N, C-alpha and C. Protein backbone atom coordinates (compact mmCIF):
# COMPACT_ATOMS: atom_id res chain seq x y z
N MET A 1 93.64 107.49 87.37
CA MET A 1 94.81 106.43 86.91
C MET A 1 96.65 107.23 86.72
N ARG A 2 95.70 108.39 85.92
CA ARG A 2 96.65 109.15 85.02
C ARG A 2 96.77 110.03 86.02
N LYS A 3 96.26 110.55 86.73
CA LYS A 3 96.71 111.41 88.04
C LYS A 3 97.79 110.74 88.93
N LYS A 4 97.18 108.87 89.20
CA LYS A 4 98.39 108.35 89.75
C LYS A 4 100.13 108.52 88.96
N ASN A 5 100.20 108.09 88.08
CA ASN A 5 100.96 108.00 87.07
C ASN A 5 101.51 108.89 86.97
N ASN A 6 100.77 110.18 87.18
CA ASN A 6 101.44 111.95 87.04
C ASN A 6 102.08 111.70 88.02
N ARG A 7 101.76 111.41 89.40
CA ARG A 7 102.19 111.79 90.69
C ARG A 7 103.63 110.69 90.93
N LEU A 8 103.39 110.13 90.11
CA LEU A 8 104.61 108.96 90.19
C LEU A 8 105.90 109.47 89.23
N THR A 9 105.01 109.85 88.15
CA THR A 9 106.36 110.59 86.79
C THR A 9 106.87 111.86 88.10
N GLU A 10 106.05 112.45 88.59
CA GLU A 10 107.04 114.14 89.28
C GLU A 10 107.40 112.93 90.35
N ARG A 11 107.25 112.42 91.28
CA ARG A 11 108.16 111.69 91.89
C ARG A 11 109.53 110.94 91.63
N PHE A 12 109.70 110.40 90.37
CA PHE A 12 111.04 109.65 89.91
C PHE A 12 111.40 110.89 89.47
N ASN A 13 111.21 112.18 89.05
CA ASN A 13 111.62 112.93 87.96
C ASN A 13 112.48 114.28 89.65
N SER A 14 111.41 113.89 90.21
CA SER A 14 112.32 115.66 91.00
C SER A 14 113.40 114.20 92.12
N ILE A 15 113.38 112.83 92.30
CA ILE A 15 114.02 111.77 92.73
C ILE A 15 115.92 112.42 91.35
N ALA A 16 115.65 112.08 90.44
CA ALA A 16 116.64 112.61 89.45
C ALA A 16 117.34 114.04 89.47
N SER A 17 115.90 114.48 89.67
CA SER A 17 117.01 116.00 90.37
C SER A 17 117.47 116.51 91.64
N SER A 18 117.60 115.25 92.85
CA SER A 18 116.96 116.19 93.85
C SER A 18 116.36 117.06 94.50
N GLN A 19 115.85 116.78 93.67
CA GLN A 19 114.18 118.25 94.11
C GLN A 19 113.22 117.85 95.03
N PRO A 20 112.73 118.34 96.19
CA PRO A 20 111.78 117.14 97.40
C PRO A 20 110.56 117.75 96.16
N VAL A 21 109.74 116.99 96.78
CA VAL A 21 107.86 117.04 96.05
C VAL A 21 107.06 116.76 97.15
N VAL A 22 106.11 117.82 97.14
CA VAL A 22 105.33 118.34 98.46
C VAL A 22 104.16 117.65 97.24
N SER A 23 103.12 116.33 98.34
CA SER A 23 101.85 115.82 98.33
C SER A 23 100.67 117.15 98.38
N THR A 24 100.10 117.35 97.60
CA THR A 24 98.89 118.52 97.84
C THR A 24 97.64 117.32 97.88
N ALA A 25 97.92 116.42 98.30
CA ALA A 25 96.58 115.25 98.63
C ALA A 25 96.04 115.41 100.18
N PRO A 26 95.28 115.51 100.54
CA PRO A 26 94.36 115.18 101.47
C PRO A 26 94.71 114.58 102.99
N ARG A 27 94.96 114.93 104.26
CA ARG A 27 95.26 113.40 104.63
C ARG A 27 94.17 113.50 105.16
N VAL A 28 94.54 111.22 104.77
CA VAL A 28 93.35 111.28 105.79
C VAL A 28 93.31 110.79 106.99
N ARG A 29 92.20 110.46 108.22
CA ARG A 29 92.63 110.19 109.39
C ARG A 29 91.60 109.08 109.59
N SER A 30 92.78 108.03 110.26
CA SER A 30 92.49 107.01 110.83
C SER A 30 91.45 107.09 111.87
N THR A 31 90.54 106.19 112.02
CA THR A 31 88.56 106.22 112.25
C THR A 31 89.06 105.38 113.87
N ARG A 32 90.27 103.91 113.52
CA ARG A 32 90.21 103.02 114.17
C ARG A 32 90.60 103.22 115.97
N MET A 33 90.07 102.46 116.92
CA MET A 33 90.86 102.87 118.41
C MET A 33 91.27 102.56 118.09
N PRO A 34 92.22 102.70 118.79
CA PRO A 34 93.82 101.96 119.28
C PRO A 34 93.30 99.99 119.96
N ARG A 35 94.22 99.77 120.02
CA ARG A 35 94.14 98.08 120.75
C ARG A 35 95.51 98.23 121.97
N GLU A 36 94.24 97.33 123.18
CA GLU A 36 94.52 97.10 124.13
C GLU A 36 96.35 96.52 123.67
N THR A 37 95.46 94.91 122.98
CA THR A 37 97.20 94.61 122.98
C THR A 37 97.35 94.13 121.64
N ASP A 38 98.57 93.53 121.35
CA ASP A 38 98.91 93.68 120.77
C ASP A 38 98.67 91.82 119.67
N ARG A 39 98.36 92.15 118.24
CA ARG A 39 97.76 91.45 117.46
C ARG A 39 99.54 90.00 117.00
N VAL A 40 99.07 88.66 117.05
CA VAL A 40 100.24 88.16 116.65
C VAL A 40 99.73 87.19 115.32
N THR A 41 100.46 87.23 113.99
CA THR A 41 99.89 86.74 112.66
C THR A 41 99.92 85.11 112.87
N CYS A 42 98.53 85.13 112.40
CA CYS A 42 98.78 83.07 113.08
C CYS A 42 98.51 82.38 111.79
N TYR A 43 97.58 82.83 110.62
CA TYR A 43 96.86 82.05 109.69
C TYR A 43 96.43 80.52 109.83
N ARG A 44 95.91 80.18 111.05
CA ARG A 44 94.70 78.83 111.43
C ARG A 44 93.82 78.56 111.02
N TYR A 45 92.96 77.47 110.20
CA TYR A 45 92.16 77.43 109.66
C TYR A 45 90.93 77.09 111.05
N GLY A 46 90.07 77.72 111.07
CA GLY A 46 88.80 77.10 112.49
C GLY A 46 87.56 77.52 111.86
N LYS A 47 86.89 77.26 112.64
CA LYS A 47 85.03 77.19 112.20
C LYS A 47 84.48 78.35 112.72
N ILE A 48 83.08 78.98 112.61
CA ILE A 48 82.50 80.15 113.84
C ILE A 48 81.11 78.95 113.30
N LYS A 49 80.46 79.14 114.73
CA LYS A 49 79.33 78.21 114.57
C LYS A 49 78.65 79.69 115.37
N TYR A 50 77.14 80.44 114.85
CA TYR A 50 75.83 80.51 115.44
C TYR A 50 74.52 80.14 114.65
N GLY A 51 73.46 80.30 115.94
CA GLY A 51 72.16 79.95 115.77
C GLY A 51 72.29 78.60 115.12
N ASN A 52 71.24 78.00 114.36
CA ASN A 52 71.14 76.91 114.43
C ASN A 52 71.67 76.23 112.55
N PHE A 53 73.00 77.07 112.45
CA PHE A 53 73.50 76.95 111.20
C PHE A 53 74.59 75.92 111.33
N GLU A 54 74.95 75.11 109.71
CA GLU A 54 76.18 74.95 110.19
C GLU A 54 77.30 75.45 110.22
N PRO A 55 78.33 74.87 110.84
CA PRO A 55 79.93 76.10 111.05
C PRO A 55 79.88 75.84 109.95
N VAL A 56 80.13 76.85 110.10
CA VAL A 56 82.02 78.43 108.86
C VAL A 56 82.73 78.16 108.74
N GLN A 57 83.83 77.06 107.85
CA GLN A 57 84.37 77.81 107.98
C GLN A 57 85.68 78.88 107.35
N VAL A 58 86.30 78.92 108.41
CA VAL A 58 87.54 80.33 108.64
C VAL A 58 88.80 80.39 108.90
N VAL A 59 89.78 81.79 108.31
CA VAL A 59 90.85 81.81 108.51
C VAL A 59 91.01 82.36 109.60
N ILE A 60 91.62 82.12 110.63
CA ILE A 60 92.04 83.47 111.73
C ILE A 60 93.41 83.64 111.09
N LYS A 61 93.08 85.49 110.88
CA LYS A 61 94.76 85.53 109.95
C LYS A 61 95.32 86.33 111.27
N ASP A 62 95.18 86.67 112.79
CA ASP A 62 95.17 87.44 114.02
C ASP A 62 94.99 87.20 115.03
N VAL A 63 95.88 87.03 116.04
CA VAL A 63 94.83 86.80 117.47
C VAL A 63 95.35 87.69 118.55
N SER A 64 94.67 87.89 119.69
CA SER A 64 95.53 88.70 120.53
C SER A 64 94.71 88.12 121.71
N PRO A 65 95.15 88.55 123.57
CA PRO A 65 94.79 87.97 124.22
C PRO A 65 92.94 88.18 124.62
N GLY A 66 93.07 88.74 123.92
CA GLY A 66 91.50 89.74 123.64
C GLY A 66 90.31 89.15 122.30
N GLY A 67 91.28 89.41 121.11
CA GLY A 67 90.22 89.22 119.91
C GLY A 67 91.19 88.82 118.67
N ALA A 68 90.63 88.52 118.12
CA ALA A 68 91.05 87.86 116.85
C ALA A 68 90.70 88.74 115.50
N ARG A 69 91.23 88.47 114.64
CA ARG A 69 90.89 88.49 112.42
C ARG A 69 90.43 87.51 111.80
N ILE A 70 88.97 87.18 111.36
CA ILE A 70 89.12 86.22 110.81
C ILE A 70 88.58 86.61 109.51
N VAL A 71 88.77 85.65 108.21
CA VAL A 71 88.31 86.13 107.15
C VAL A 71 87.21 84.42 106.62
N LEU A 72 86.08 84.62 105.92
CA LEU A 72 84.99 83.94 106.02
C LEU A 72 85.38 83.03 104.78
N GLU A 73 85.03 81.98 104.13
CA GLU A 73 84.82 82.19 102.52
C GLU A 73 83.98 82.30 101.61
N HIS A 74 82.68 82.91 102.64
CA HIS A 74 82.17 84.04 102.15
C HIS A 74 81.37 84.77 102.77
N ALA A 75 81.47 86.04 102.06
CA ALA A 75 81.10 87.40 102.43
C ALA A 75 80.35 86.98 102.98
N SER A 76 79.32 86.54 104.09
CA SER A 76 77.49 86.68 104.61
C SER A 76 77.58 87.55 105.87
N LYS A 77 76.83 87.78 106.12
CA LYS A 77 76.58 88.93 107.53
C LYS A 77 75.93 88.08 108.86
N LEU A 78 76.99 88.53 109.50
CA LEU A 78 77.49 87.91 110.50
C LEU A 78 76.63 87.72 112.21
N PRO A 79 76.31 87.97 113.13
CA PRO A 79 75.04 87.79 114.40
C PRO A 79 75.98 88.52 115.01
N SER A 80 75.62 89.07 116.33
CA SER A 80 76.59 90.06 116.78
C SER A 80 77.46 89.17 118.32
N THR A 81 76.91 87.71 118.04
CA THR A 81 78.06 87.09 118.78
C THR A 81 77.53 85.61 117.87
N ILE A 82 79.12 85.31 117.82
CA ILE A 82 79.29 84.08 117.74
C ILE A 82 80.60 83.16 118.34
N LEU A 83 80.52 81.91 117.82
CA LEU A 83 81.55 81.12 118.49
C LEU A 83 82.61 80.68 117.59
N LEU A 84 83.34 80.70 118.26
CA LEU A 84 84.69 80.66 117.46
C LEU A 84 86.12 79.56 117.13
N LYS A 85 85.87 78.45 117.36
CA LYS A 85 86.84 77.11 117.32
C LYS A 85 87.95 77.06 116.68
N ALA A 86 89.60 76.62 116.42
CA ALA A 86 89.96 76.92 116.37
C ALA A 86 90.85 75.62 116.94
N PRO A 87 90.38 74.07 116.88
CA PRO A 87 91.18 72.64 117.21
C PRO A 87 92.80 72.40 117.13
N SER A 88 93.52 72.87 115.97
CA SER A 88 94.56 73.01 116.12
C SER A 88 95.45 73.81 116.58
N SER A 89 95.03 75.15 117.90
CA SER A 89 95.44 75.92 118.54
C SER A 89 94.68 76.03 119.80
N GLY A 90 93.51 75.24 120.20
CA GLY A 90 92.97 74.82 120.95
C GLY A 90 92.04 76.17 121.62
N ILE A 91 91.58 76.98 120.45
CA ILE A 91 90.50 78.26 120.93
C ILE A 91 88.98 77.70 120.88
N MET A 92 88.70 77.42 121.70
CA MET A 92 86.86 77.87 121.37
C MET A 92 86.29 78.53 122.62
N ARG A 93 85.64 80.31 121.78
CA ARG A 93 86.30 81.02 122.54
C ARG A 93 84.21 81.87 121.94
N LYS A 94 83.04 82.13 123.30
CA LYS A 94 82.25 82.93 122.38
C LYS A 94 83.41 84.64 122.41
N CYS A 95 82.54 84.67 121.00
CA CYS A 95 82.92 86.29 120.29
C CYS A 95 81.95 87.51 119.95
N LEU A 96 82.53 88.59 120.29
CA LEU A 96 81.39 89.43 119.91
C LEU A 96 81.95 89.98 119.05
N VAL A 97 80.78 90.62 117.85
CA VAL A 97 81.25 90.55 115.93
C VAL A 97 81.63 91.93 116.70
N VAL A 98 83.28 92.74 116.37
CA VAL A 98 83.27 94.04 116.78
C VAL A 98 82.58 94.53 115.31
N TRP A 99 83.06 94.43 114.23
CA TRP A 99 82.75 95.05 113.17
C TRP A 99 83.27 93.63 111.52
N GLN A 100 83.00 94.48 111.00
CA GLN A 100 82.96 93.05 109.14
C GLN A 100 82.87 93.88 108.11
N ARG A 101 83.97 94.09 107.00
CA ARG A 101 83.78 94.28 106.25
C ARG A 101 83.85 93.52 104.74
N GLY A 102 83.38 92.83 103.82
CA GLY A 102 83.03 92.22 102.95
C GLY A 102 83.45 90.52 103.73
N HIS A 103 83.96 89.62 103.34
CA HIS A 103 85.03 88.49 104.00
C HIS A 103 85.65 88.59 105.25
N SER A 104 86.22 90.03 105.73
CA SER A 104 86.44 90.21 106.95
C SER A 104 86.23 90.19 108.73
N ALA A 105 86.75 89.53 109.35
CA ALA A 105 85.65 90.45 110.40
C ALA A 105 86.65 89.83 111.60
N GLY A 106 86.50 91.33 112.41
CA GLY A 106 87.13 91.29 113.72
C GLY A 106 86.47 90.91 114.97
N VAL A 107 87.02 90.22 116.20
CA VAL A 107 85.89 89.56 117.31
C VAL A 107 86.89 89.98 117.99
N LYS A 108 85.74 90.42 119.64
CA LYS A 108 86.20 90.42 120.28
C LYS A 108 85.38 89.06 121.68
N PHE A 109 86.27 88.65 122.15
CA PHE A 109 86.36 87.22 122.75
C PHE A 109 85.43 87.76 124.25
N ILE A 110 84.85 86.73 125.00
CA ILE A 110 83.90 87.50 125.89
C ILE A 110 84.03 85.84 126.83
């Protein structure tokens, strides 16, 4: 935290003195694959179904013609394929789980 505060102080001081500050922090490259289509933010309630389990409530945060990003109520490991239902938008699609981090997951429509 102290390092971060020092960097902020340096930046504020450089702005006040009109001298640019060059950061020495290493640059991190994203390993994310480029998307075929853009996603649209939607925040809709839905449910996912897999196996013989009861449907699980989710929030669909964004959607595209090829997939969606969902947030689960509880962080639980998802199987490789699920059924995503969103009655308000008419979505009912079989999906392949592409990634999962905690409560969030990215799915591809199949």
